[in-house]
Amino acid sequence: MQTEEIAYVGDRLDNDVLPARQAGPFTVFLIRGPWGFVHAQRPEASQANAKITGLKDLVAVLADRCKDRLVPSPRKICFQH
């Protein structure tokens, strides 16, 4: 699996979103729980590729990311930069 095929979801900037962003995957900041709300106030939150308030929102984020793209195989589901 290639880095660009990965979507990394996390509720902390320091342990999840920012390290993942540096590594290359599409990052989703989950704003829920105590750390999610605290970290959402930080300027670094804007570095996430997407922000959601619940996992149910993840489907829409990934569907939007995949719109207008052909899916060549089940393993490569639209995660190209």
Protein backbone atom coordinates (compact mmCIF):
# COMPACT_ATOMS: atom_id res chain seq x y z
CA MET A 1 0.00 0.00 0.00
CA GLN A 2 1.29 3.45 -0.90
CA THR A 3 1.27 6.35 1.55
CA GLU A 4 -1.16 8.30 -0.61
CA GLU A 5 -3.65 5.43 -0.33
CA ILE A 6 -3.95 5.92 3.43
CA ALA A 7 -6.37 8.13 5.34
CA TYR A 8 -5.21 8.71 8.92
CA VAL A 9 -7.91 9.69 11.41
CA GLY A 10 -6.98 11.05 14.84
CA ASP A 11 -8.26 13.26 17.64
CA ARG A 12 -4.92 14.78 18.64
CA LEU A 13 -2.69 17.07 16.65
CA ASP A 14 0.58 16.23 18.38
CA ASN A 15 0.27 12.43 18.32
CA ASP A 16 -1.93 11.88 15.28
CA VAL A 17 -2.57 14.54 12.66
CA LEU A 18 0.74 16.41 12.46
CA PRO A 19 3.03 13.34 12.42
CA ALA A 20 0.77 11.66 9.88
CA ARG A 21 0.73 14.78 7.73
CA GLN A 22 4.54 14.79 7.68
CA ALA A 23 4.55 11.13 6.65
CA GLY A 24 2.27 11.81 3.68
CA PRO A 25 -1.20 10.32 4.16
CA PHE A 26 -4.48 12.22 3.88
CA THR A 27 -5.23 13.39 7.43
CA VAL A 28 -8.61 13.68 9.11
CA PHE A 29 -8.85 15.51 12.44
CA LEU A 30 -11.62 14.01 14.59
CA ILE A 31 -12.89 16.76 16.86
CA ARG A 32 -14.43 14.80 19.70
CA GLY A 33 -13.47 13.96 23.24
CA PRO A 34 -11.41 16.21 25.48
CA TRP A 35 -8.27 16.28 23.33
CA GLY A 36 -10.16 16.84 20.12
CA PHE A 37 -11.87 19.94 21.47
CA VAL A 38 -8.71 21.33 23.08
CA HIS A 39 -6.62 20.76 19.96
CA ALA A 40 -9.32 22.19 17.66
CA GLN A 41 -8.55 25.62 19.14
CA ARG A 42 -4.92 25.49 18.02
CA PRO A 43 -3.79 27.11 14.76
CA GLU A 44 -2.14 23.84 13.72
CA ALA A 45 -5.61 22.30 13.33
CA SER A 46 -5.74 23.94 9.90
CA GLN A 47 -3.00 21.57 8.73
CA ALA A 48 -5.40 18.60 8.68
CA ASN A 49 -6.72 17.78 5.23
CA ALA A 50 -10.22 17.43 6.69
CA LYS A 51 -12.00 17.94 10.02
CA ILE A 52 -14.94 15.91 11.29
CA THR A 53 -16.93 15.81 14.54
CA GLY A 54 -17.90 12.15 14.37
CA LEU A 55 -16.89 8.99 12.57
CA LYS A 56 -20.17 9.00 10.65
CA ASP A 57 -18.83 12.08 8.84
CA LEU A 58 -15.81 10.14 7.58
CA VAL A 59 -17.82 8.46 4.82
CA ALA A 60 -18.74 11.83 3.29
CA VAL A 61 -15.14 13.10 3.51
CA LEU A 62 -13.78 10.03 1.75
CA ALA A 63 -16.60 10.03 -0.82
CA ASP A 64 -15.84 13.67 -1.62
CA ARG A 65 -12.17 12.82 -1.96
CA CYS A 66 -13.05 10.09 -4.43
CA LYS A 67 -15.56 11.96 -6.57
CA ASP A 68 -14.70 12.21 -10.23
CA ARG A 69 -12.04 9.51 -9.93
CA LEU A 70 -12.03 6.07 -11.39
CA VAL A 71 -11.35 3.25 -8.98
CA PRO A 72 -8.89 0.93 -10.75
CA SER A 73 -8.98 -1.77 -8.09
CA PRO A 74 -10.48 -2.40 -4.64
CA ARG A 75 -7.10 -1.64 -3.02
CA LYS A 76 -6.72 1.76 -4.65
CA ILE A 77 -9.80 3.61 -3.54
CA CYS A 78 -9.12 7.18 -4.61
CA PHE A 79 -6.29 8.08 -2.24
CA GLN A 80 -4.01 9.90 -4.61
CA HIS A 81 -2.74 13.43 -4.00
